[in-house]
Protein backbone atom coordinates (compact mmCIF):
# COMPACT_ATOMS: atom_id res chain seq x y z
CA MET A 1 23.98 -7.32 16.26
CA VAL A 2 20.37 -6.95 17.38
CA LYS A 3 19.60 -4.51 14.57
CA ASN A 4 21.13 -6.86 12.02
CA TRP A 5 19.12 -9.82 13.31
CA LEU A 6 15.89 -7.83 13.16
CA LEU A 7 16.51 -6.56 9.66
CA VAL A 8 17.43 -10.05 8.44
CA GLN A 9 14.16 -11.43 9.77
CA ALA A 10 12.24 -8.56 8.18
CA SER A 11 14.00 -9.10 4.84
CA LYS A 12 13.00 -12.79 4.92
CA VAL A 13 9.37 -11.78 5.20
CA LYS A 14 9.79 -9.40 2.27
CA LYS A 15 11.69 -11.94 0.18
CA PHE A 16 9.26 -14.82 0.59
CA SER A 17 6.08 -12.84 0.14
CA SER A 18 5.15 -10.52 -2.66
CA GLU A 19 5.01 -6.93 -1.48
CA LYS A 20 2.03 -6.29 -3.72
CA VAL A 21 0.07 -9.22 -2.26
CA LEU A 22 1.11 -8.35 1.29
CA THR A 23 0.14 -4.70 1.08
CA LEU A 24 -3.12 -5.46 -0.71
CA THR A 25 -3.99 -7.90 2.06
CA VAL A 26 -3.06 -5.40 4.78
CA THR A 27 -5.16 -2.66 3.16
CA ARG A 28 -8.27 -4.77 2.63
CA LEU A 29 -8.17 -6.48 6.03
CA ASN A 30 -7.70 -3.16 7.82
CA GLN A 31 -10.51 -1.59 5.78
CA LEU A 32 -12.86 -4.47 6.49
CA LEU A 33 -12.04 -4.42 10.21
CA VAL A 34 -12.43 -0.65 10.71
CA GLU A 35 -15.47 -0.13 8.50
CA SER A 36 -17.33 -3.15 9.88
CA LEU A 37 -16.78 -2.03 13.46
CA ALA A 38 -17.66 1.58 12.57
CA GLU A 39 -21.06 0.45 11.28
CA VAL A 40 -21.82 -1.22 14.60
CA MET A 41 -20.07 1.00 17.12
CA GLY A 42 -19.57 4.33 15.39
CA PRO A 43 -16.19 5.50 14.06
CA ARG A 44 -14.57 6.70 17.29
CA LYS A 45 -15.37 3.61 19.33
CA ALA A 46 -14.38 1.44 16.41
CA LEU A 47 -10.97 3.11 16.10
CA GLN A 48 -10.40 2.74 19.85
CA ARG A 49 -11.22 -1.00 19.62
CA VAL A 50 -8.94 -1.43 16.64
CA PHE A 51 -6.14 0.43 18.43
CA GLU A 52 -6.52 -1.85 21.44
CA GLY A 53 -6.35 -4.89 19.17
CA GLY A 54 -3.15 -3.48 17.66
CA MET A 55 -1.70 -3.13 21.18
CA SER A 56 -2.27 -6.82 21.84
CA LEU A 57 -0.61 -7.70 18.52
CA GLY A 58 2.41 -5.50 19.35
CA HIS A 59 2.70 -7.02 22.81
CA GLU A 60 2.68 -10.58 21.48
CA PHE A 61 5.13 -9.67 18.71
CA MET A 62 7.63 -8.25 21.21
CA ILE A 63 7.26 -11.25 23.51
CA GLU A 64 8.26 -13.45 20.61
CA LEU A 65 11.38 -11.33 20.06
CA SER A 66 12.29 -11.20 23.76
CA ALA A 67 15.37 -13.44 23.41
CA HIS A 68 16.85 -10.93 20.94
CA LEU A 69 16.03 -7.63 22.64
CA ASP A 70 18.53 -5.02 23.79
CA PRO A 71 17.85 -2.41 26.51
CA ASP A 72 19.72 0.35 24.68
CA HIS A 73 17.28 3.16 23.79
CA GLU A 74 19.24 3.77 20.60
CA ARG A 75 17.87 0.43 19.30
CA ILE A 76 14.33 1.82 19.09
CA PRO A 77 14.61 2.98 15.45
CA ALA A 78 15.94 -0.43 14.44
CA TYR A 79 12.95 -2.14 16.10
CA GLY A 80 10.60 0.35 14.54
CA GLU A 81 12.01 -0.07 11.04
CA ALA A 82 12.01 -3.88 11.25
CA ALA A 83 8.38 -3.91 12.43
CA TRP A 84 7.28 -1.68 9.54
CA ILE A 85 9.10 -3.89 7.03
CA MET A 86 7.44 -6.99 8.49
CA PHE A 87 3.90 -5.68 8.61
CA ALA A 88 3.80 -3.01 5.88
CA GLY A 89 6.10 -4.74 3.41
CA LYS A 90 8.70 -1.96 3.16
CA SER A 91 10.81 0.46 5.17
CA PRO A 92 9.27 3.71 6.47
CA THR A 93 9.78 6.61 4.12
CA GLU A 94 11.35 8.54 6.94
CA GLN A 95 12.14 8.04 10.62
CA SER A 96 13.87 9.97 13.40
CA TYR A 97 14.75 9.51 17.02
CA GLU A 98 15.62 12.14 19.60
CA THR A 99 15.90 12.72 23.32
CA VAL A 100 14.47 16.05 24.48
CA GLU A 101 13.96 17.84 27.77
CA ILE A 102 10.45 19.11 28.46
CA ASP A 103 9.71 20.85 31.79
CA GLY A 104 12.67 19.07 33.36
CA GLU A 105 11.66 15.63 32.10
CA THR A 106 13.60 13.54 29.64
CA VAL A 107 11.32 12.43 26.80
CA TYR A 108 12.33 9.92 24.16
CA ILE A 109 10.61 10.50 20.83
CA TYR A 110 10.57 8.19 17.84
CA ARG A 111 8.80 9.34 14.66
CA TRP A 112 8.22 7.49 11.42
CA ALA A 113 6.27 8.20 8.24
CA ASP A 114 5.11 6.44 5.09
CA ASP A 115 4.27 8.26 1.87
CA ASP A 116 2.30 5.22 0.63
CA CYS A 117 0.99 3.58 3.79
CA PRO A 118 -0.68 0.21 2.95
CA PHE A 119 -2.98 0.42 5.94
CA CYS A 120 -5.09 3.14 4.33
CA ARG A 121 -4.16 3.03 0.63
CA ASN A 122 -6.97 4.52 -1.54
CA ILE A 123 -9.24 4.91 1.48
CA ARG A 124 -11.04 8.06 2.63
CA PHE A 125 -12.25 8.31 6.23
CA PRO A 126 -13.14 11.19 8.58
CA HIS A 127 -10.59 10.08 11.21
CA ARG A 128 -7.04 8.76 11.16
CA PHE A 129 -7.40 5.23 9.86
CA CYS A 130 -4.13 3.44 10.67
CA GLN A 131 -4.87 2.50 14.26
CA VAL A 132 -3.68 -1.11 13.98
CA PRO A 133 0.00 -0.14 13.53
CA ALA A 134 -0.29 2.74 16.00
CA GLY A 135 -1.63 0.41 18.67
CA ALA A 136 0.91 -2.27 17.77
CA TYR A 137 3.76 0.16 18.31
CA GLN A 138 2.39 1.18 21.71
CA GLY A 139 1.94 -2.42 22.77
CA ALA A 140 5.40 -3.40 21.52
CA SER A 141 7.22 -0.41 23.00
CA GLN A 142 5.53 -0.82 26.39
CA THR A 143 6.41 -4.52 26.41
CA TRP A 144 10.02 -3.68 25.52
CA ALA A 145 10.14 -1.23 28.45
CA ALA A 146 8.67 -3.86 30.81
CA LEU A 147 11.11 -6.56 29.70
CA MET A 148 14.27 -4.50 29.33
CA HIS A 149 13.78 -1.82 31.99
CA ASP A 150 11.59 -3.56 34.60
CA GLY A 151 8.64 -1.30 33.75
CA ALA A 152 10.57 1.91 34.51
CA PHE A 153 9.05 3.72 31.50
CA HIS A 154 5.65 4.38 30.02
CA THR A 155 5.07 4.74 26.29
CA LEU A 156 2.42 6.11 24.00
CA ALA A 157 2.18 5.68 20.21
CA ARG A 158 -0.17 7.46 17.90
CA GLU A 159 -0.87 8.24 14.28
CA VAL A 160 -0.79 12.06 13.96
CA LYS A 161 -1.31 12.41 10.18
CA CYS A 162 -3.14 10.08 7.80
CA LYS A 163 -3.61 9.92 4.07
CA ALA A 164 -7.13 8.66 4.60
CA THR A 165 -8.09 12.10 5.98
CA GLY A 166 -6.35 13.96 3.15
CA ASP A 167 -2.84 14.39 4.60
CA GLU A 168 0.12 13.94 2.19
CA ARG A 169 1.39 10.96 4.13
CA CYS A 170 0.83 8.93 7.29
CA GLU A 171 2.93 9.98 10.25
CA PHE A 172 3.30 8.28 13.60
CA ILE A 173 4.96 9.14 16.89
CA MET A 174 6.03 7.09 19.88
CA VAL A 175 7.00 8.84 23.13
CA MET A 176 8.56 7.31 26.23
CA VAL A 177 8.76 8.89 29.70
CA ARG A 178 9.60 7.80 33.21
CA LYS A 179 6.86 5.70 34.82
CA GLU A 180 6.38 8.34 37.50
CA VAL A 181 5.36 10.94 34.88
CA PRO A 182 1.54 11.22 34.73
CA VAL A 183 -0.29 10.92 31.41
CA SER A 184 -1.49 14.51 31.95
CA PHE A 185 2.11 15.62 31.26
CA VAL A 186 1.93 14.20 27.74
CA GLN A 187 -1.60 15.50 27.28
CA LYS A 188 -0.41 18.98 28.15
CA HIS A 189 2.67 19.06 25.92
CA MET A 190 1.45 16.86 23.04
CA PRO A 191 -2.35 17.22 22.92
CA GLU A 192 -2.42 16.07 19.26
CA LEU A 193 -1.72 12.51 20.48
CA PHE A 194 -5.16 12.35 22.09
CA GLU A 195 -7.33 13.69 19.26
CA ASP A 196 -8.51 10.28 18.06
CA ILE A 197 -7.44 7.82 20.78
CA GLN A 198 -8.03 8.78 24.41
CA LEU A 199 -6.29 5.78 25.93
CA GLY A 200 -3.38 6.58 28.25
CA PHE A 201 -0.53 4.47 29.56
CA VAL A 202 -0.98 0.68 29.68
CA ASP A 203 1.15 -1.65 31.79
CA TYR A 204 2.18 -5.18 30.83
C-alpha cells in the first residue's frame, strides 16, 4: 500500500511536468550551484556544502511523507525509487537491496544507479558531482530511521561512481547500521564512501 502510494505520487510529478524540462532544470541548477560554490570555496568544500544542503532537503521531504511511512526495511527500495522519479524525472536504471553480515554486524545496503543521470548530464568535473541526491538520500533515510525506529539506526548515503568523472554511469549506495556501531566501522569496511564526503552519521 505504501509503495503504491509513493509511486502514484511520483507518477503525478512525471505526468504533469515534462521530463525534458525537469531534467534540464535539474542539470543546470545543480551545475550552477556546484560550480559557483567551487569558485568561492574550492571543489571539495563546495561538494561538502552541497551534500549538506541535500541532506536538509531529504530530511524535509521525508517529514512531509511521515503520515505514509512504514517501518518495514523492505520498503526502502520503494522509497528510493519514488524519490528518484520525483527528483530525477525517471526510475533508476538499476537498484538492489540486501542485508549482509559484516564482522558480526547486520548491515542493510541499498544501491541504485542511473545510466543517464540528470544531475551531471554533459558535465565534466574532477570529483563526483551528484552530491545533492546523495545528501538527500542520507537525510531522508536518517529521518525515516528516526521516525520509524526511534533513532535505532544510523545511515550513510554516497555517490560512488559518477559520469562527470568519466564513469559509465552514476552509482549510489545507502548503508544502515545499528546506532551503537561507530562510523569507523563503515570507514574500515567501505572506505570508498568517504573519498569525496568526510561527513559521518547525522542525527535528526
